[in-house]
Full PDB file with SEQRES, HELIX, SHEET, SSBOND, CRYST1, ORIGX, SCALE, CONECT and MASTER records, all heavy atoms in Angstrom:
SEQRES   1 A   37  LEU ALA ASP GLY GLY LYS VAL ALA VAL SER ASP SER THR          
SEQRES   2 A   37  PRO GLY THR SER ILE ARG TYR PHE SER GLU GLN ASN LEU          
SEQRES   3 A   37  GLY LEU PHE THR ARG ARG THR CYS ASN PRO GLY                  
HELIX    1 AA1 GLN A   24  LEU A   26  5                                   3    
SHEET    1 AA1 3 ALA A   8  THR A  13  0                                        
SHEET    2 AA1 3 THR A  16  PHE A  21 -1                                        
SHEET    3 AA1 3 THR A  30  CYS A  34 -1                                        
CRYST1    1.000    1.000    1.000  90.00  90.00  90.00 P 1           1          
ORIGX1      1.000000  0.000000  0.000000        0.00000                         
ORIGX2      0.000000  1.000000  0.000000        0.00000                         
ORIGX3      0.000000  0.000000  1.000000        0.00000                         
SCALE1      1.000000  0.000000  0.000000        0.00000                         
SCALE2      0.000000  1.000000  0.000000        0.00000                         
SCALE3      0.000000  0.000000  1.000000        0.00000                         
ATOM      1  N   LEU A   1       0.820  -1.183   0.015  1.00  0.00           N  
ATOM      2  CA  LEU A   1       0.003  -0.024   0.002  1.00  0.00           C  
ATOM      3  C   LEU A   1       0.866   1.243   0.006  1.00  0.00           C  
ATOM      4  O   LEU A   1       2.052   1.208  -0.266  1.00  0.00           O  
ATOM      5  CB  LEU A   1      -0.929  -0.016   1.194  1.00  0.00           C  
ATOM      6  CG  LEU A   1      -1.874  -1.218   1.281  1.00  0.00           C  
ATOM      7  CD1 LEU A   1      -2.700  -1.201   2.543  1.00  0.00           C  
ATOM      8  CD2 LEU A   1      -2.777  -1.294   0.028  1.00  0.00           C  
ATOM      9  N   ALA A   2       0.237   2.402   0.285  1.00  0.00           N  
ATOM     10  CA  ALA A   2       0.895   3.699   0.374  1.00  0.00           C  
ATOM     11  C   ALA A   2       1.508   4.092  -0.981  1.00  0.00           C  
ATOM     12  O   ALA A   2       0.953   3.789  -2.007  1.00  0.00           O  
ATOM     13  CB  ALA A   2       1.972   3.708   1.481  1.00  0.00           C  
ATOM     14  N   ASP A   3       2.672   4.759  -0.932  1.00  0.00           N  
ATOM     15  CA  ASP A   3       3.375   5.071  -2.192  1.00  0.00           C  
ATOM     16  C   ASP A   3       4.236   3.892  -2.559  1.00  0.00           C  
ATOM     17  O   ASP A   3       5.190   3.539  -1.861  1.00  0.00           O  
ATOM     18  CB  ASP A   3       4.271   6.317  -2.015  1.00  0.00           C  
ATOM     19  CG  ASP A   3       3.461   7.608  -2.042  1.00  0.00           C  
ATOM     20  OD1 ASP A   3       2.895   7.916  -3.092  1.00  0.00           O  
ATOM     21  OD2 ASP A   3       3.397   8.295  -0.999  1.00  0.00           O  
ATOM     22  N   GLY A   4       3.931   3.267  -3.655  1.00  0.00           N  
ATOM     23  CA  GLY A   4       4.728   2.136  -4.123  1.00  0.00           C  
ATOM     24  C   GLY A   4       6.142   2.623  -4.498  1.00  0.00           C  
ATOM     25  O   GLY A   4       6.342   3.512  -5.299  1.00  0.00           O  
ATOM     26  N   GLY A   5       7.126   1.962  -3.925  1.00  0.00           N  
ATOM     27  CA  GLY A   5       8.528   2.325  -4.247  1.00  0.00           C  
ATOM     28  C   GLY A   5       8.980   1.719  -5.552  1.00  0.00           C  
ATOM     29  O   GLY A   5       8.221   1.136  -6.271  1.00  0.00           O  
ATOM     30  N   LYS A   6      10.268   1.883  -5.853  1.00  0.00           N  
ATOM     31  CA  LYS A   6      10.843   1.308  -7.057  1.00  0.00           C  
ATOM     32  C   LYS A   6      10.758  -0.220  -6.983  1.00  0.00           C  
ATOM     33  O   LYS A   6      10.901  -0.825  -5.907  1.00  0.00           O  
ATOM     34  CB  LYS A   6      12.299   1.728  -7.198  1.00  0.00           C  
ATOM     35  CG  LYS A   6      12.504   3.201  -7.483  1.00  0.00           C  
ATOM     36  CD  LYS A   6      12.021   3.562  -8.885  1.00  0.00           C  
ATOM     37  CE  LYS A   6      12.364   4.985  -9.205  1.00  0.00           C  
ATOM     38  NZ  LYS A   6      11.964   5.391 -10.573  1.00  0.00           N  
ATOM     39  N   VAL A   7      10.531  -0.835  -8.158  1.00  0.00           N  
ATOM     40  CA  VAL A   7      10.411  -2.277  -8.219  1.00  0.00           C  
ATOM     41  C   VAL A   7      11.566  -2.849  -9.064  1.00  0.00           C  
ATOM     42  O   VAL A   7      12.135  -2.094  -9.877  1.00  0.00           O  
ATOM     43  CB  VAL A   7       9.059  -2.733  -8.801  1.00  0.00           C  
ATOM     44  CG1 VAL A   7       7.935  -2.293  -7.871  1.00  0.00           C  
ATOM     45  CG2 VAL A   7       8.876  -2.146 -10.185  1.00  0.00           C  
ATOM     46  N   ALA A   8      11.902  -4.109  -8.833  1.00  0.00           N  
ATOM     47  CA  ALA A   8      12.956  -4.749  -9.624  1.00  0.00           C  
ATOM     48  C   ALA A   8      12.693  -6.252  -9.659  1.00  0.00           C  
ATOM     49  O   ALA A   8      12.041  -6.789  -8.760  1.00  0.00           O  
ATOM     50  CB  ALA A   8      14.326  -4.451  -9.053  1.00  0.00           C  
ATOM     51  N   VAL A   9      13.184  -6.923 -10.721  1.00  0.00           N  
ATOM     52  CA  VAL A   9      13.002  -8.336 -10.878  1.00  0.00           C  
ATOM     53  C   VAL A   9      14.324  -8.969 -11.214  1.00  0.00           C  
ATOM     54  O   VAL A   9      15.032  -8.464 -12.139  1.00  0.00           O  
ATOM     55  CB  VAL A   9      11.931  -8.666 -11.899  1.00  0.00           C  
ATOM     56  CG1 VAL A   9      11.881 -10.185 -12.175  1.00  0.00           C  
ATOM     57  CG2 VAL A   9      10.583  -8.141 -11.561  1.00  0.00           C  
ATOM     58  N   SER A  10      14.665 -10.069 -10.511  1.00  0.00           N  
ATOM     59  CA  SER A  10      15.815 -10.878 -10.892  1.00  0.00           C  
ATOM     60  C   SER A  10      15.252 -12.176 -11.486  1.00  0.00           C  
ATOM     61  O   SER A  10      14.676 -12.959 -10.781  1.00  0.00           O  
ATOM     62  CB  SER A  10      16.724 -11.183  -9.679  1.00  0.00           C  
ATOM     63  OG  SER A  10      17.741 -12.082 -10.055  1.00  0.00           O  
ATOM     64  N   ASP A  11      15.471 -12.356 -12.814  1.00  0.00           N  
ATOM     65  CA  ASP A  11      14.900 -13.500 -13.490  1.00  0.00           C  
ATOM     66  C   ASP A  11      15.935 -14.244 -14.319  1.00  0.00           C  
ATOM     67  O   ASP A  11      15.648 -14.892 -15.322  1.00  0.00           O  
ATOM     68  CB  ASP A  11      13.689 -13.125 -14.390  1.00  0.00           C  
ATOM     69  CG  ASP A  11      14.026 -11.956 -15.351  1.00  0.00           C  
ATOM     70  OD1 ASP A  11      15.231 -11.645 -15.497  1.00  0.00           O  
ATOM     71  OD2 ASP A  11      13.108 -11.351 -15.883  1.00  0.00           O  
ATOM     72  N   SER A  12      17.226 -14.115 -13.927  1.00  0.00           N  
ATOM     73  CA  SER A  12      18.301 -14.749 -14.703  1.00  0.00           C  
ATOM     74  C   SER A  12      18.363 -16.289 -14.495  1.00  0.00           C  
ATOM     75  O   SER A  12      19.004 -16.959 -15.272  1.00  0.00           O  
ATOM     76  CB  SER A  12      19.653 -14.112 -14.309  1.00  0.00           C  
ATOM     77  OG  SER A  12      19.897 -14.243 -12.907  1.00  0.00           O  
ATOM     78  N   THR A  13      17.711 -16.771 -13.438  1.00  0.00           N  
ATOM     79  CA  THR A  13      17.656 -18.224 -13.214  1.00  0.00           C  
ATOM     80  C   THR A  13      16.332 -18.777 -13.765  1.00  0.00           C  
ATOM     81  O   THR A  13      15.276 -18.381 -13.307  1.00  0.00           O  
ATOM     82  CB  THR A  13      17.736 -18.567 -11.722  1.00  0.00           C  
ATOM     83  OG1 THR A  13      18.979 -18.050 -11.172  1.00  0.00           O  
ATOM     84  CG2 THR A  13      17.724 -20.060 -11.498  1.00  0.00           C  
ATOM     85  N   PRO A  14      16.388 -19.635 -14.794  1.00  0.00           N  
ATOM     86  CA  PRO A  14      15.154 -20.111 -15.397  1.00  0.00           C  
ATOM     87  C   PRO A  14      14.265 -20.813 -14.345  1.00  0.00           C  
ATOM     88  O   PRO A  14      14.739 -21.594 -13.550  1.00  0.00           O  
ATOM     89  CB  PRO A  14      15.603 -21.125 -16.467  1.00  0.00           C  
ATOM     90  CG  PRO A  14      16.995 -20.623 -16.842  1.00  0.00           C  
ATOM     91  CD  PRO A  14      17.580 -20.090 -15.534  1.00  0.00           C  
ATOM     92  N   GLY A  15      12.994 -20.464 -14.339  1.00  0.00           N  
ATOM     93  CA  GLY A  15      12.060 -21.095 -13.413  1.00  0.00           C  
ATOM     94  C   GLY A  15      11.915 -20.464 -12.068  1.00  0.00           C  
ATOM     95  O   GLY A  15      10.970 -20.785 -11.323  1.00  0.00           O  
ATOM     96  N   THR A  16      12.860 -19.626 -11.675  1.00  0.00           N  
ATOM     97  CA  THR A  16      12.812 -18.976 -10.384  1.00  0.00           C  
ATOM     98  C   THR A  16      13.015 -17.472 -10.566  1.00  0.00           C  
ATOM     99  O   THR A  16      14.044 -17.057 -11.143  1.00  0.00           O  
ATOM    100  CB  THR A  16      13.859 -19.540  -9.424  1.00  0.00           C  
ATOM    101  OG1 THR A  16      13.613 -20.913  -9.213  1.00  0.00           O  
ATOM    102  CG2 THR A  16      13.776 -18.822  -8.089  1.00  0.00           C  
ATOM    103  N   SER A  17      12.059 -16.685 -10.074  1.00  0.00           N  
ATOM    104  CA  SER A  17      12.194 -15.224 -10.167  1.00  0.00           C  
ATOM    105  C   SER A  17      12.122 -14.617  -8.775  1.00  0.00           C  
ATOM    106  O   SER A  17      11.407 -15.140  -7.917  1.00  0.00           O  
ATOM    107  CB  SER A  17      11.109 -14.644 -11.057  1.00  0.00           C  
ATOM    108  OG  SER A  17      11.239 -15.109 -12.375  1.00  0.00           O  
ATOM    109  N   ILE A  18      12.797 -13.511  -8.611  1.00  0.00           N  
ATOM    110  CA  ILE A  18      12.743 -12.768  -7.348  1.00  0.00           C  
ATOM    111  C   ILE A  18      12.268 -11.351  -7.635  1.00  0.00           C  
ATOM    112  O   ILE A  18      12.951 -10.645  -8.438  1.00  0.00           O  
ATOM    113  CB  ILE A  18      14.123 -12.726  -6.673  1.00  0.00           C  
ATOM    114  CG1 ILE A  18      14.648 -14.176  -6.492  1.00  0.00           C  
ATOM    115  CG2 ILE A  18      14.031 -12.047  -5.331  1.00  0.00           C  
ATOM    116  CD1 ILE A  18      16.127 -14.233  -6.173  1.00  0.00           C  
ATOM    117  N   ARG A  19      11.171 -10.986  -7.070  1.00  0.00           N  
ATOM    118  CA  ARG A  19      10.614  -9.652  -7.287  1.00  0.00           C  
ATOM    119  C   ARG A  19      10.766  -8.841  -6.013  1.00  0.00           C  
ATOM    120  O   ARG A  19      10.502  -9.320  -4.872  1.00  0.00           O  
ATOM    121  CB  ARG A  19       9.138  -9.717  -7.715  1.00  0.00           C  
ATOM    122  CG  ARG A  19       8.838 -10.616  -8.875  1.00  0.00           C  
ATOM    123  CD  ARG A  19       7.378 -10.885  -9.090  1.00  0.00           C  
ATOM    124  NE  ARG A  19       7.193 -11.974 -10.126  1.00  0.00           N  
ATOM    125  CZ  ARG A  19       6.060 -12.618 -10.260  1.00  0.00           C  
ATOM    126  NH1 ARG A  19       5.004 -12.397  -9.435  1.00  0.00           N  
ATOM    127  NH2 ARG A  19       5.949 -13.596 -11.164  1.00  0.00           N  
ATOM    128  N   TYR A  20      11.185  -7.575  -6.180  1.00  0.00           N  
ATOM    129  CA  TYR A  20      11.399  -6.691  -5.014  1.00  0.00           C  
ATOM    130  C   TYR A  20      10.440  -5.482  -5.138  1.00  0.00           C  
ATOM    131  O   TYR A  20      10.273  -4.902  -6.246  1.00  0.00           O  
ATOM    132  CB  TYR A  20      12.842  -6.156  -5.052  1.00  0.00           C  
ATOM    133  CG  TYR A  20      13.904  -7.230  -4.881  1.00  0.00           C  
ATOM    134  CD1 TYR A  20      14.516  -7.780  -5.959  1.00  0.00           C  
ATOM    135  CD2 TYR A  20      14.284  -7.612  -3.575  1.00  0.00           C  
ATOM    136  CE1 TYR A  20      15.490  -8.756  -5.821  1.00  0.00           C  
ATOM    137  CE2 TYR A  20      15.250  -8.590  -3.414  1.00  0.00           C  
ATOM    138  CZ  TYR A  20      15.867  -9.158  -4.565  1.00  0.00           C  
ATOM    139  OH  TYR A  20      16.863 -10.101  -4.350  1.00  0.00           O  
ATOM    140  N   PHE A  21       9.841  -5.166  -3.992  1.00  0.00           N  
ATOM    141  CA  PHE A  21       8.956  -3.997  -3.999  1.00  0.00           C  
ATOM    142  C   PHE A  21       8.893  -3.438  -2.557  1.00  0.00           C  
ATOM    143  O   PHE A  21       9.321  -4.090  -1.577  1.00  0.00           O  
ATOM    144  CB  PHE A  21       7.529  -4.317  -4.450  1.00  0.00           C  
ATOM    145  CG  PHE A  21       6.885  -5.519  -3.790  1.00  0.00           C  
ATOM    146  CD1 PHE A  21       6.174  -5.375  -2.620  1.00  0.00           C  
ATOM    147  CD2 PHE A  21       7.023  -6.784  -4.358  1.00  0.00           C  
ATOM    148  CE1 PHE A  21       5.570  -6.430  -1.991  1.00  0.00           C  
ATOM    149  CE2 PHE A  21       6.425  -7.879  -3.704  1.00  0.00           C  
ATOM    150  CZ  PHE A  21       5.693  -7.715  -2.558  1.00  0.00           C  
ATOM    151  N   SER A  22       8.324  -2.265  -2.410  1.00  0.00           N  
ATOM    152  CA  SER A  22       8.329  -1.624  -1.067  1.00  0.00           C  
ATOM    153  C   SER A  22       7.303  -0.484  -1.062  1.00  0.00           C  
ATOM    154  O   SER A  22       6.725  -0.160  -2.103  1.00  0.00           O  
ATOM    155  CB  SER A  22       9.724  -1.099  -0.664  1.00  0.00           C  
ATOM    156  OG  SER A  22      10.060   0.000  -1.538  1.00  0.00           O  
ATOM    157  N   GLU A  23       7.184   0.139   0.078  1.00  0.00           N  
ATOM    158  CA  GLU A  23       6.530   1.467   0.197  1.00  0.00           C  
ATOM    159  C   GLU A  23       7.618   2.513   0.025  1.00  0.00           C  
ATOM    160  O   GLU A  23       8.779   2.211  -0.228  1.00  0.00           O  
ATOM    161  CB  GLU A  23       5.815   1.571   1.516  1.00  0.00           C  
ATOM    162  CG  GLU A  23       4.676   0.590   1.685  1.00  0.00           C  
ATOM    163  CD  GLU A  23       3.972   0.717   3.031  1.00  0.00           C  
ATOM    164  OE1 GLU A  23       4.411   1.593   3.831  1.00  0.00           O  
ATOM    165  OE2 GLU A  23       2.997  -0.015   3.248  1.00  0.00           O  
ATOM    166  N   GLN A  24       7.190   3.769   0.176  1.00  0.00           N  
ATOM    167  CA  GLN A  24       8.190   4.862   0.102  1.00  0.00           C  
ATOM    168  C   GLN A  24       9.284   4.664   1.164  1.00  0.00           C  
ATOM    169  O   GLN A  24       9.082   4.033   2.177  1.00  0.00           O  
ATOM    170  CB  GLN A  24       7.507   6.205   0.315  1.00  0.00           C  
ATOM    171  CG  GLN A  24       6.975   6.468   1.670  1.00  0.00           C  
ATOM    172  CD  GLN A  24       5.533   5.999   1.836  1.00  0.00           C  
ATOM    173  OE1 GLN A  24       5.036   5.137   1.099  1.00  0.00           O  
ATOM    174  NE2 GLN A  24       4.814   6.556   2.820  1.00  0.00           N  
ATOM    175  N   ASN A  25      10.462   5.200   0.861  1.00  0.00           N  
ATOM    176  CA  ASN A  25      11.605   5.105   1.760  1.00  0.00           C  
ATOM    177  C   ASN A  25      11.993   3.670   2.101  1.00  0.00           C  
ATOM    178  O   ASN A  25      12.485   3.402   3.198  1.00  0.00           O  
ATOM    179  CB  ASN A  25      11.364   5.925   3.059  1.00  0.00           C  
ATOM    180  CG  ASN A  25      11.070   7.378   2.760  1.00  0.00           C  
ATOM    181  OD1 ASN A  25      11.870   8.046   2.106  1.00  0.00           O  
ATOM    182  ND2 ASN A  25       9.913   7.854   3.260  1.00  0.00           N  
ATOM    183  N   LEU A  26      11.771   2.760   1.180  1.00  0.00           N  
ATOM    184  CA  LEU A  26      12.078   1.363   1.377  1.00  0.00           C  
ATOM    185  C   LEU A  26      11.280   0.732   2.540  1.00  0.00           C  
ATOM    186  O   LEU A  26      11.650  -0.279   3.082  1.00  0.00           O  
ATOM    187  CB  LEU A  26      13.597   1.115   1.618  1.00  0.00           C  
ATOM    188  CG  LEU A  26      14.504   1.262   0.396  1.00  0.00           C  
ATOM    189  CD1 LEU A  26      15.944   0.976   0.823  1.00  0.00           C  
ATOM    190  CD2 LEU A  26      14.099   0.336  -0.746  1.00  0.00           C  
ATOM    191  N   GLY A  27      10.201   1.360   2.839  1.00  0.00           N  
ATOM    192  CA  GLY A  27       9.326   0.825   3.902  1.00  0.00           C  
ATOM    193  C   GLY A  27       8.745  -0.535   3.517  1.00  0.00           C  
ATOM    194  O   GLY A  27       8.305  -0.736   2.389  1.00  0.00           O  
ATOM    195  N   LEU A  28       8.716  -1.476   4.473  1.00  0.00           N  
ATOM    196  CA  LEU A  28       8.216  -2.850   4.255  1.00  0.00           C  
ATOM    197  C   LEU A  28       8.821  -3.467   3.032  1.00  0.00           C  
ATOM    198  O   LEU A  28       8.118  -4.110   2.178  1.00  0.00           O  
ATOM    199  CB  LEU A  28       6.730  -2.836   4.155  1.00  0.00           C  
ATOM    200  CG  LEU A  28       5.946  -2.346   5.430  1.00  0.00           C  
ATOM    201  CD1 LEU A  28       4.486  -2.308   5.219  1.00  0.00           C  
ATOM    202  CD2 LEU A  28       6.324  -3.242   6.616  1.00  0.00           C  
ATOM    203  N   PHE A  29      10.124  -3.233   2.833  1.00  0.00           N  
ATOM    204  CA  PHE A  29      10.834  -3.813   1.633  1.00  0.00           C  
ATOM    205  C   PHE A  29      10.650  -5.319   1.641  1.00  0.00           C  
ATOM    206  O   PHE A  29      10.859  -6.059   2.640  1.00  0.00           O  
ATOM    207  CB  PHE A  29      12.315  -3.456   1.739  1.00  0.00           C  
ATOM    208  CG  PHE A  29      13.081  -3.859   0.523  1.00  0.00           C  
ATOM    209  CD1 PHE A  29      12.977  -3.219  -0.664  1.00  0.00           C  
ATOM    210  CD2 PHE A  29      13.996  -4.950   0.632  1.00  0.00           C  
ATOM    211  CE1 PHE A  29      13.691  -3.602  -1.779  1.00  0.00           C  
ATOM    212  CE2 PHE A  29      14.720  -5.349  -0.534  1.00  0.00           C  
ATOM    213  CZ  PHE A  29      14.588  -4.637  -1.709  1.00  0.00           C  
ATOM    214  N   THR A  30      10.222  -5.849   0.446  1.00  0.00           N  
ATOM    215  CA  THR A  30       9.794  -7.279   0.337  1.00  0.00           C  
ATOM    216  C   THR A  30      10.562  -7.967  -0.754  1.00  0.00           C  
ATOM    217  O   THR A  30      10.748  -7.414  -1.866  1.00  0.00           O  
ATOM    218  CB  THR A  30       8.308  -7.378   0.099  1.00  0.00           C  
ATOM    219  OG1 THR A  30       7.595  -6.779   1.207  1.00  0.00           O  
ATOM    220  CG2 THR A  30       7.867  -8.826  -0.015  1.00  0.00           C  
ATOM    221  N   ARG A  31      11.017  -9.153  -0.479  1.00  0.00           N  
ATOM    222  CA  ARG A  31      11.604 -10.034  -1.491  1.00  0.00           C  
ATOM    223  C   ARG A  31      10.636 -11.163  -1.748  1.00  0.00           C  
ATOM    224  O   ARG A  31      10.409 -12.043  -0.867  1.00  0.00           O  
ATOM    225  CB  ARG A  31      12.978 -10.568  -0.980  1.00  0.00           C  
ATOM    226  CG  ARG A  31      13.667 -11.554  -1.922  1.00  0.00           C  
ATOM    227  CD  ARG A  31      14.994 -11.983  -1.307  1.00  0.00           C  
ATOM    228  NE  ARG A  31      14.788 -12.760  -0.107  1.00  0.00           N  
ATOM    229  CZ  ARG A  31      15.563 -12.643   1.001  1.00  0.00           C  
ATOM    230  NH1 ARG A  31      16.509 -11.699   1.043  1.00  0.00           N  
ATOM    231  NH2 ARG A  31      15.310 -13.358   2.089  1.00  0.00           N  
ATOM    232  N   ARG A  32      10.083 -11.214  -2.967  1.00  0.00           N  
ATOM    233  CA  ARG A  32       9.099 -12.248  -3.303  1.00  0.00           C  
ATOM    234  C   ARG A  32       9.740 -13.279  -4.244  1.00  0.00           C  
ATOM    235  O   ARG A  32      10.152 -12.903  -5.378  1.00  0.00           O  
ATOM    236  CB  ARG A  32       7.871 -11.588  -3.971  1.00  0.00           C  
ATOM    237  CG  ARG A  32       6.936 -12.649  -4.562  1.00  0.00           C  
ATOM    238  CD  ARG A  32       5.595 -12.031  -4.954  1.00  0.00           C  
ATOM    239  NE  ARG A  32       4.816 -11.735  -3.767  1.00  0.00           N  
ATOM    240  CZ  ARG A  32       3.533 -11.420  -3.772  1.00  0.00           C  
ATOM    241  NH1 ARG A  32       2.888 -11.280  -4.957  1.00  0.00           N  
ATOM    242  NH2 ARG A  32       2.891 -11.199  -2.685  1.00  0.00           N  
ATOM    243  N   THR A  33       9.865 -14.511  -3.794  1.00  0.00           N  
ATOM    244  CA  THR A  33      10.484 -15.575  -4.612  1.00  0.00           C  
ATOM    245  C   THR A  33       9.399 -16.392  -5.184  1.00  0.00           C  
ATOM    246  O   THR A  33       8.516 -16.981  -4.473  1.00  0.00           O  
ATOM    247  CB  THR A  33      11.435 -16.392  -3.761  1.00  0.00           C  
ATOM    248  OG1 THR A  33      12.410 -15.570  -3.158  1.00  0.00           O  
ATOM    249  CG2 THR A  33      12.118 -17.464  -4.609  1.00  0.00           C  
ATOM    250  N   CYS A  34       9.400 -16.548  -6.536  1.00  0.00           N  
ATOM    251  CA  CYS A  34       8.341 -17.274  -7.242  1.00  0.00           C  
ATOM    252  C   CYS A  34       8.922 -18.421  -7.983  1.00  0.00           C  
ATOM    253  O   CYS A  34       9.930 -18.261  -8.759  1.00  0.00           O  
ATOM    254  CB  CYS A  34       7.621 -16.337  -8.199  1.00  0.00           C  
ATOM    255  SG  CYS A  34       6.813 -14.920  -7.408  1.00  0.00           S  
ATOM    256  N   ASN A  35       8.267 -19.655  -7.829  1.00  0.00           N  
ATOM    257  CA  ASN A  35       8.828 -20.837  -8.538  1.00  0.00           C  
ATOM    258  C   ASN A  35       7.793 -21.986  -8.620  1.00  0.00           C  
ATOM    259  O   ASN A  35       8.091 -23.086  -8.098  1.00  0.00           O  
ATOM    260  CB  ASN A  35      10.101 -21.306  -7.741  1.00  0.00           C  
ATOM    261  CG  ASN A  35      10.743 -22.483  -8.457  1.00  0.00           C  
ATOM    262  OD1 ASN A  35      10.578 -22.695  -9.623  1.00  0.00           O  
ATOM    263  ND2 ASN A  35      11.479 -23.295  -7.698  1.00  0.00           N  
ATOM    264  N   PRO A  36       6.636 -21.884  -9.266  1.00  0.00           N  
ATOM    265  CA  PRO A  36       5.988 -20.608  -9.669  1.00  0.00           C  
ATOM    266  C   PRO A  36       5.224 -19.994  -8.529  1.00  0.00           C  
ATOM    267  O   PRO A  36       4.894 -18.829  -8.584  1.00  0.00           O  
ATOM    268  CB  PRO A  36       5.100 -21.066 -10.816  1.00  0.00           C  
ATOM    269  CG  PRO A  36       4.690 -22.428 -10.465  1.00  0.00           C  
ATOM    270  CD  PRO A  36       5.936 -23.068  -9.778  1.00  0.00           C  
ATOM    271  N   GLY A  37       4.857 -20.829  -7.519  1.00  0.00           N  
ATOM    272  CA  GLY A  37       4.177 -20.182  -6.336  1.00  0.00           C  
ATOM    273  C   GLY A  37       5.138 -19.224  -5.656  1.00  0.00           C  
ATOM    274  O   GLY A  37       6.341 -19.365  -5.640  1.00  0.00           O  
TER     275      GLY A  37                                                      
MASTER        0    0    0    1    3    0    0    6  274    1    0    3          
END                                                                             
């Protein structure tokens, strides 16, 4: 929620992706690992 911060995706490993997101000021910075869940 709030102001969505910058996002990034690491998808260099086939089948596994890591998505990064946060609120403003890196608040609640989250690392989401998908494979595929």
